[in-house]
């Protein structure tokens, strides 16, 4: 039996149980600040920033700091354990996973599209691109905006003879991985000469760090073309083109067209979630679409942080998905969320 303390104050007598005292003390300990650090992809940075802010409103003691340094940096830092979680738009290779000091899990968070943005003075009509044409531009084979290959895709558009200035990422980037993954599927020459990776030996062009860096180059350079995650095009109001998909349809990146790309993949999602959905079939599919992943150790050293991070990820995969569309991302298919919630239970958080 737990005995109470009798407190006399004026004519009022109150009994405070020892259990209540211990409960208050436990709540105080539970409310202590927890800070979790992560780093990685710039592709999902706007939605992650929104999530961390909204979650902090619900749980003021939880502060999640995220450095949007690029997917390559995120993979390096989670491997070195200088951060608690990483983030990448390109799945880690088997060699990278083997190099990590423990088992790393890939957890998809949202979907996004990578779009070709451009700056062509005097051209106001939205341009249409095909995969092979984009590959040839980035291979340095198509040099002028009025090249017959571009003109054929855009009948009725008066294209200038301006030089094309190719802009690409300078840092290890998941956005680059998605772009290159798509080009490798539609251009045998790209696949052979350049390949697919977070960082590439570019045949041509000028480089900038992060999505916003590429967007800035395109905005400041007449004749430029670049590739960025959809939200960066929307934020900067940069013109971006439609891309011809596997079914031959020209589709602009939207939440719906990115969601369409995910639907087929969701039906056969692999257990480790490392899947490519670029150039997916379907009339309404935007072909340069991808999941983006959080990287978490299955058996992390800090169990307290693991418990807090697990709770956050559960929230992000469920209630947090409602913030995706307003920022230009597509929410996850339900069956993928259901799979991930089971995966989260395998993380050793206590």
Protein backbone atom coordinates (compact mmCIF):
# COMPACT_ATOMS: atom_id res chain seq x y z
CA UNK A 1 0.00 0.00 0.00
CA UNK A 2 1.29 3.46 -0.91
CA UNK A 3 0.99 5.92 1.92
CA UNK A 4 0.11 9.59 1.30
CA UNK A 5 1.31 12.85 2.72
CA UNK A 6 -1.19 15.05 4.54
CA UNK A 7 -0.74 18.71 3.70
CA UNK A 8 -2.41 21.32 5.89
CA UNK A 9 -3.09 24.71 4.33
CA UNK A 10 -5.62 26.91 6.13
CA UNK A 11 -8.77 24.88 6.60
CA UNK A 12 -8.03 22.68 3.55
CA UNK A 13 -6.51 19.23 3.90
CA UNK A 14 -5.12 17.44 0.82
CA UNK A 15 -3.59 14.02 0.44
CA UNK A 16 -0.85 13.64 -2.17
CA UNK A 17 0.03 10.02 -2.84
CA UNK A 18 3.61 8.92 -3.33
CA UNK A 19 2.50 7.43 -6.65
CA UNK A 20 1.39 10.89 -7.81
CA UNK A 21 4.73 12.36 -6.83
CA UNK A 22 6.54 9.67 -8.80
CA UNK A 23 4.21 10.22 -11.80
CA UNK A 24 4.99 13.94 -11.85
CA UNK A 25 8.69 13.20 -11.60
CA UNK A 26 8.47 10.70 -14.45
CA UNK A 27 6.58 13.17 -16.64
CA UNK A 28 9.29 15.76 -15.99
CA UNK A 29 11.98 13.32 -17.08
CA UNK A 30 9.97 12.29 -20.14
CA UNK A 31 9.59 15.92 -21.13
CA UNK A 32 13.33 16.52 -21.21
CA UNK A 33 14.53 17.79 -24.58
CA UNK A 34 15.60 15.19 -27.13
CA UNK A 35 17.65 16.41 -30.07
CA UNK A 36 18.15 14.17 -33.11
CA UNK A 37 20.48 15.08 -35.97
CA UNK A 38 20.24 14.00 -39.58
CA UNK A 39 21.66 14.91 -42.97
CA UNK A 40 21.19 14.12 -46.63
CA UNK A 41 19.06 14.78 -49.67
CA UNK A 42 17.89 18.25 -50.68
CA UNK A 43 15.06 16.69 -52.76
CA UNK A 44 12.80 16.13 -49.68
CA UNK A 45 14.16 19.02 -47.59
CA UNK A 46 10.99 21.20 -47.86
CA UNK A 47 8.67 18.41 -46.63
CA UNK A 48 11.14 17.32 -43.93
CA UNK A 49 11.43 20.88 -42.67
CA UNK A 50 7.64 21.09 -42.52
CA UNK A 51 7.36 17.75 -40.73
CA UNK A 52 9.99 18.55 -38.11
CA UNK A 53 8.28 21.86 -37.38
CA UNK A 54 4.79 20.37 -37.12
CA UNK A 55 6.00 17.47 -34.98
CA UNK A 56 7.75 19.88 -32.63
CA UNK A 57 4.43 21.69 -32.12
CA UNK A 58 2.92 18.38 -31.01
CA UNK A 59 6.00 17.34 -29.01
CA UNK A 60 7.86 20.49 -27.89
CA UNK A 61 10.59 18.40 -26.25
CA UNK A 62 11.55 16.78 -29.59
CA UNK A 63 13.88 18.75 -31.84
CA UNK A 64 15.01 17.18 -35.11
CA UNK A 65 17.82 19.00 -36.92
CA UNK A 66 18.36 18.26 -40.61
CA UNK A 67 21.17 19.41 -42.87
CA UNK A 68 20.24 19.27 -46.56
CA UNK A 69 23.71 18.54 -47.92
CA UNK A 70 22.86 16.10 -50.72
CA UNK A 71 22.26 12.35 -50.77
CA UNK A 72 25.96 11.52 -51.06
CA UNK A 73 26.73 13.42 -47.87
CA UNK A 74 23.79 11.78 -46.13
CA UNK A 75 25.07 8.31 -47.00
CA UNK A 76 28.60 9.19 -45.87
CA UNK A 77 27.44 10.67 -42.56
CA UNK A 78 25.08 7.84 -41.61
CA UNK A 79 27.82 5.34 -42.49
CA UNK A 80 30.25 7.23 -40.24
CA UNK A 81 27.51 7.55 -37.57
CA UNK A 82 28.06 11.30 -37.28
CA UNK A 83 24.26 11.66 -37.57
CA UNK A 84 21.42 9.51 -36.23
CA UNK A 85 19.65 9.29 -39.60
CA UNK A 86 20.49 9.87 -43.23
CA UNK A 87 18.35 10.68 -46.25
CA UNK A 88 18.81 9.77 -49.89
CA UNK A 89 16.86 9.88 -53.14
CA UNK A 90 18.98 7.13 -54.65
CA UNK A 91 19.03 3.79 -52.83
CA UNK A 92 22.38 2.78 -51.39
CA UNK A 93 24.36 0.24 -53.40
CA UNK A 94 25.15 -3.17 -51.98
CA UNK A 95 28.78 -2.10 -51.53
CA UNK A 96 27.65 0.96 -49.55
CA UNK A 97 25.39 -1.15 -47.36
CA UNK A 98 28.20 -3.63 -46.73
CA UNK A 99 30.54 -0.77 -45.74
CA UNK A 100 28.14 0.46 -43.05
CA UNK A 101 28.95 -0.69 -39.47
CA UNK A 102 25.47 -2.11 -38.99
CA UNK A 103 22.32 -3.00 -40.92
CA UNK A 104 20.76 0.08 -42.50
CA UNK A 105 17.09 0.26 -43.41
CA UNK A 106 15.61 2.26 -46.31
CA UNK A 107 12.24 3.76 -45.41
CA UNK A 108 10.36 5.62 -48.19
CA UNK A 109 8.81 8.86 -46.93
CA UNK A 110 7.16 10.57 -49.92
CA UNK A 111 7.42 10.64 -53.71
CA UNK A 112 8.55 13.44 -55.97
CA UNK A 113 9.31 14.26 -59.57
CA UNK A 114 12.48 15.64 -61.13
CA UNK A 115 11.68 18.20 -63.82
CA UNK A 116 13.60 19.89 -66.65
CA UNK A 117 13.60 23.62 -66.00
CA UNK A 118 14.75 26.12 -68.62
CA UNK A 119 15.31 29.80 -69.31
CA UNK A 120 14.65 30.75 -72.96
CA UNK A 121 13.90 34.47 -73.40
CA UNK A 122 11.01 35.02 -75.79
CA UNK A 123 9.55 31.52 -75.38
CA UNK A 124 6.45 31.51 -73.20
CA UNK A 125 4.85 28.26 -74.32
CA UNK A 126 5.58 25.18 -72.20
CA UNK A 127 8.09 22.93 -73.95
CA UNK A 128 7.87 19.20 -74.48
CA UNK A 129 10.87 16.88 -74.13
CA UNK A 130 11.54 13.24 -74.81
CA UNK A 131 14.00 11.11 -72.85
CA UNK A 132 16.40 10.67 -75.78
CA UNK A 133 16.43 14.43 -76.44
CA UNK A 134 17.19 15.20 -72.79
CA UNK A 135 19.96 12.60 -72.87
CA UNK A 136 21.47 14.12 -76.03
CA UNK A 137 21.36 17.61 -74.49
CA UNK A 138 23.21 16.35 -71.41
CA UNK A 139 25.63 14.37 -73.57
CA UNK A 140 26.54 17.62 -75.34
CA UNK A 141 25.17 16.41 -78.69
CA UNK A 142 22.30 18.90 -78.98
CA UNK A 143 23.81 22.40 -78.67
CA UNK A 144 21.13 24.88 -79.83
CA UNK A 145 17.55 25.41 -78.75
CA UNK A 146 16.34 25.38 -82.36
CA UNK A 147 17.87 21.95 -82.99
CA UNK A 148 15.52 19.89 -85.24
CA UNK A 149 15.11 17.22 -82.54
CA UNK A 150 13.68 19.80 -80.08
CA UNK A 151 11.67 21.58 -82.80
CA UNK A 152 10.03 18.30 -83.85
CA UNK A 153 8.67 17.82 -80.33
CA UNK A 154 7.38 21.40 -80.18
CA UNK A 155 5.53 22.24 -83.40
CA UNK A 156 4.38 25.85 -83.60
CA UNK A 157 6.95 27.08 -81.05
CA UNK A 158 9.46 29.59 -82.44
CA UNK A 159 12.70 28.39 -80.89
CA UNK A 160 15.75 30.68 -80.97
CA UNK A 161 19.20 29.65 -82.13
CA UNK A 162 20.51 30.29 -78.64
CA UNK A 163 23.27 28.09 -77.23
CA UNK A 164 22.04 25.59 -74.64
CA UNK A 165 23.79 25.96 -71.28
CA UNK A 166 23.56 22.69 -69.37
CA UNK A 167 23.34 22.99 -65.56
CA UNK A 168 23.91 20.00 -63.27
CA UNK A 169 24.75 19.17 -59.67
CA UNK A 170 28.28 19.47 -58.32
CA UNK A 171 27.59 17.43 -55.18
CA UNK A 172 26.63 13.80 -54.67
CA UNK A 173 22.92 14.01 -55.29
CA UNK A 174 19.91 11.73 -55.24
CA UNK A 175 18.22 14.11 -57.67
CA UNK A 176 21.12 13.38 -60.05
CA UNK A 177 20.64 9.66 -59.41
CA UNK A 178 16.96 9.85 -60.41
CA UNK A 179 17.77 11.94 -63.51
CA UNK A 180 20.57 9.59 -64.59
CA UNK A 181 18.50 6.49 -63.81
CA UNK A 182 15.80 7.75 -66.16
CA UNK A 183 18.22 8.75 -68.93
CA UNK A 184 19.95 5.35 -68.75
CA UNK A 185 16.60 3.65 -69.37
CA UNK A 186 15.83 5.71 -72.50
CA UNK A 187 19.32 6.23 -73.96
CA UNK A 188 21.75 3.32 -74.49
CA UNK A 189 24.50 5.88 -75.15
CA UNK A 190 23.90 7.57 -71.79
CA UNK A 191 23.90 4.21 -70.02
CA UNK A 192 27.20 3.25 -71.65
CA UNK A 193 29.07 6.57 -71.46
CA UNK A 194 27.77 8.13 -68.22
CA UNK A 195 25.77 5.56 -66.28
CA UNK A 196 23.82 5.93 -63.04
CA UNK A 197 25.15 7.27 -59.77
CA UNK A 198 24.77 10.08 -57.23
CA UNK A 199 27.85 11.76 -58.73
CA UNK A 200 28.78 11.59 -62.41
CA UNK A 201 31.56 12.46 -64.83
CA UNK A 202 29.50 14.96 -66.78
CA UNK A 203 30.17 15.24 -70.53
CA UNK A 204 29.26 18.93 -70.52
CA UNK A 205 27.77 21.77 -68.50
CA UNK A 206 28.24 23.99 -65.45
CA UNK A 207 27.84 22.75 -61.89
CA UNK A 208 26.12 23.99 -58.75
CA UNK A 209 25.46 22.52 -55.32
CA UNK A 210 21.98 21.42 -54.26
CA UNK A 211 18.64 21.79 -56.02
CA UNK A 212 18.43 25.49 -55.27
CA UNK A 213 21.90 26.02 -56.73
CA UNK A 214 20.89 24.48 -60.06
CA UNK A 215 17.65 26.48 -60.02
CA UNK A 216 19.67 29.67 -59.45
CA UNK A 217 22.01 28.97 -62.40
CA UNK A 218 19.06 28.42 -64.73
CA UNK A 219 17.28 31.56 -63.51
CA UNK A 220 20.39 33.69 -64.04
CA UNK A 221 21.53 32.23 -67.38
CA UNK A 222 19.62 32.82 -70.64
CA UNK A 223 19.57 29.60 -72.64
CA UNK A 224 20.08 27.36 -69.60
CA UNK A 225 18.47 24.03 -68.83
CA UNK A 226 18.68 22.16 -65.53
CA UNK A 227 16.96 19.45 -63.49
CA UNK A 228 15.46 19.98 -60.03
CA UNK A 229 12.89 18.40 -57.75
CA UNK A 230 9.41 19.70 -58.60
CA UNK A 231 8.99 21.79 -55.44
CA UNK A 232 12.06 23.88 -56.35
CA UNK A 233 10.56 24.67 -59.76
CA UNK A 234 7.30 25.67 -58.09
CA UNK A 235 9.02 27.81 -55.46
CA UNK A 236 11.15 29.69 -58.01
CA UNK A 237 8.36 29.84 -60.61
CA UNK A 238 10.77 28.40 -63.17
CA UNK A 239 9.22 27.14 -66.41
CA UNK A 240 9.48 23.36 -66.63
CA UNK A 241 8.60 21.03 -69.45
CA UNK A 242 6.47 17.98 -69.99
CA UNK A 243 8.30 14.72 -70.61
CA UNK A 244 7.21 11.93 -72.95
CA UNK A 245 6.52 8.77 -70.98
CA UNK A 246 6.87 5.09 -71.88
CA UNK A 247 3.38 5.11 -73.44
CA UNK A 248 4.31 8.02 -75.71
CA UNK A 249 2.26 10.62 -73.82
CA UNK A 250 3.70 14.02 -72.84
CA UNK A 251 3.01 14.43 -69.12
CA UNK A 252 3.79 17.30 -66.77
CA UNK A 253 4.93 16.55 -63.24
CA UNK A 254 2.09 16.91 -60.74
CA UNK A 255 1.13 15.16 -57.53
CA UNK A 256 -1.28 12.99 -59.53
CA UNK A 257 1.19 12.03 -62.28
CA UNK A 258 3.87 11.15 -59.70
CA UNK A 259 1.33 9.11 -57.73
CA UNK A 260 0.48 7.24 -60.95
CA UNK A 261 4.15 6.30 -61.29
CA UNK A 262 4.14 4.83 -57.78
CA UNK A 263 0.98 2.76 -58.13
CA UNK A 264 2.51 0.00 -60.23
CA UNK A 265 5.66 -0.18 -58.08
CA UNK A 266 3.63 -0.31 -54.89
CA UNK A 267 2.04 -3.60 -55.93
CA UNK A 268 5.43 -5.32 -56.01
CA UNK A 269 7.47 -3.33 -53.49
CA UNK A 270 10.58 -5.30 -52.47
CA UNK A 271 11.13 -6.01 -48.78
CA UNK A 272 14.08 -3.59 -48.61
CA UNK A 273 12.15 -0.82 -50.45
CA UNK A 274 15.04 -0.18 -52.86
CA UNK A 275 13.09 0.23 -56.08
CA UNK A 276 13.25 2.45 -59.17
CA UNK A 277 10.00 3.81 -60.63
CA UNK A 278 11.48 5.95 -63.40
CA UNK A 279 10.00 5.36 -66.88
CA UNK A 280 7.07 3.41 -65.46
CA UNK A 281 4.27 2.38 -67.85
CA UNK A 282 0.90 4.14 -67.99
CA UNK A 283 -0.71 6.98 -69.94
CA UNK A 284 -0.88 9.35 -66.97
CA UNK A 285 2.56 8.55 -65.48
CA UNK A 286 5.22 11.23 -65.12
CA UNK A 287 8.37 9.28 -66.07
CA UNK A 288 11.02 10.95 -63.88
CA UNK A 289 9.51 10.06 -60.51
CA UNK A 290 11.00 8.49 -57.41
CA UNK A 291 10.57 7.59 -53.79
CA UNK A 292 12.91 9.30 -51.33
CA UNK A 293 14.23 7.35 -48.35
CA UNK A 294 15.19 7.84 -44.71
CA UNK A 295 18.19 5.73 -43.67
CA UNK A 296 18.08 4.27 -40.14
CA UNK A 297 20.14 1.65 -38.33
CA UNK A 298 18.11 -1.37 -37.29
CA UNK A 299 20.07 -1.70 -34.04
CA UNK A 300 21.16 1.84 -33.08
CA UNK A 301 23.32 2.46 -30.05
CA UNK A 302 21.13 5.24 -28.61
CA UNK A 303 17.85 3.49 -27.79
CA UNK A 304 16.22 6.65 -26.41
CA UNK A 305 16.75 8.50 -29.69
CA UNK A 306 15.62 5.41 -31.58
CA UNK A 307 12.32 5.35 -29.68
CA UNK A 308 11.69 9.05 -30.39
CA UNK A 309 12.67 8.69 -34.07
CA UNK A 310 10.42 5.64 -34.47
CA UNK A 311 7.49 7.60 -33.06
CA UNK A 312 8.24 10.49 -35.42
CA UNK A 313 8.49 8.24 -38.49
CA UNK A 314 5.17 6.57 -37.62
CA UNK A 315 3.61 10.04 -37.49
CA UNK A 316 5.27 11.10 -40.78
CA UNK A 317 4.04 7.97 -42.56
CA UNK A 318 0.45 8.53 -41.39
CA UNK A 319 -0.68 11.98 -40.23
CA UNK A 320 2.32 13.70 -41.83
CA UNK A 321 1.38 12.59 -45.36
CA UNK A 322 -1.36 15.23 -45.50
CA UNK A 323 1.32 17.94 -45.82
CA UNK A 324 2.88 16.38 -48.94
CA UNK A 325 0.61 17.59 -51.75
CA UNK A 326 0.76 21.29 -50.83
CA UNK A 327 4.55 21.12 -51.21
CA UNK A 328 4.48 19.32 -54.56
CA UNK A 329 5.11 15.79 -53.26
CA UNK A 330 2.93 12.72 -53.66
CA UNK A 331 1.89 10.82 -50.53
CA UNK A 332 2.84 7.18 -50.14
CA UNK A 333 0.46 4.41 -51.27
CA UNK A 334 -1.33 2.84 -48.30
CA UNK A 335 0.11 -0.64 -48.80
CA UNK A 336 3.64 0.79 -48.70
CA UNK A 337 2.85 2.60 -45.44
CA UNK A 338 1.47 -0.64 -43.96
CA UNK A 339 4.70 -2.45 -44.91
CA UNK A 340 6.85 0.26 -43.38
CA UNK A 341 4.98 0.31 -40.08
CA UNK A 342 5.86 -3.38 -39.72
CA UNK A 343 9.49 -2.67 -40.64
CA UNK A 344 9.65 0.02 -37.95
CA UNK A 345 8.78 -2.63 -35.37
CA UNK A 346 12.06 -4.41 -36.19
CA UNK A 347 14.15 -1.43 -35.08
CA UNK A 348 15.60 -2.11 -31.64
CA UNK A 349 14.48 0.94 -29.71
CA UNK A 350 14.65 -0.43 -26.15
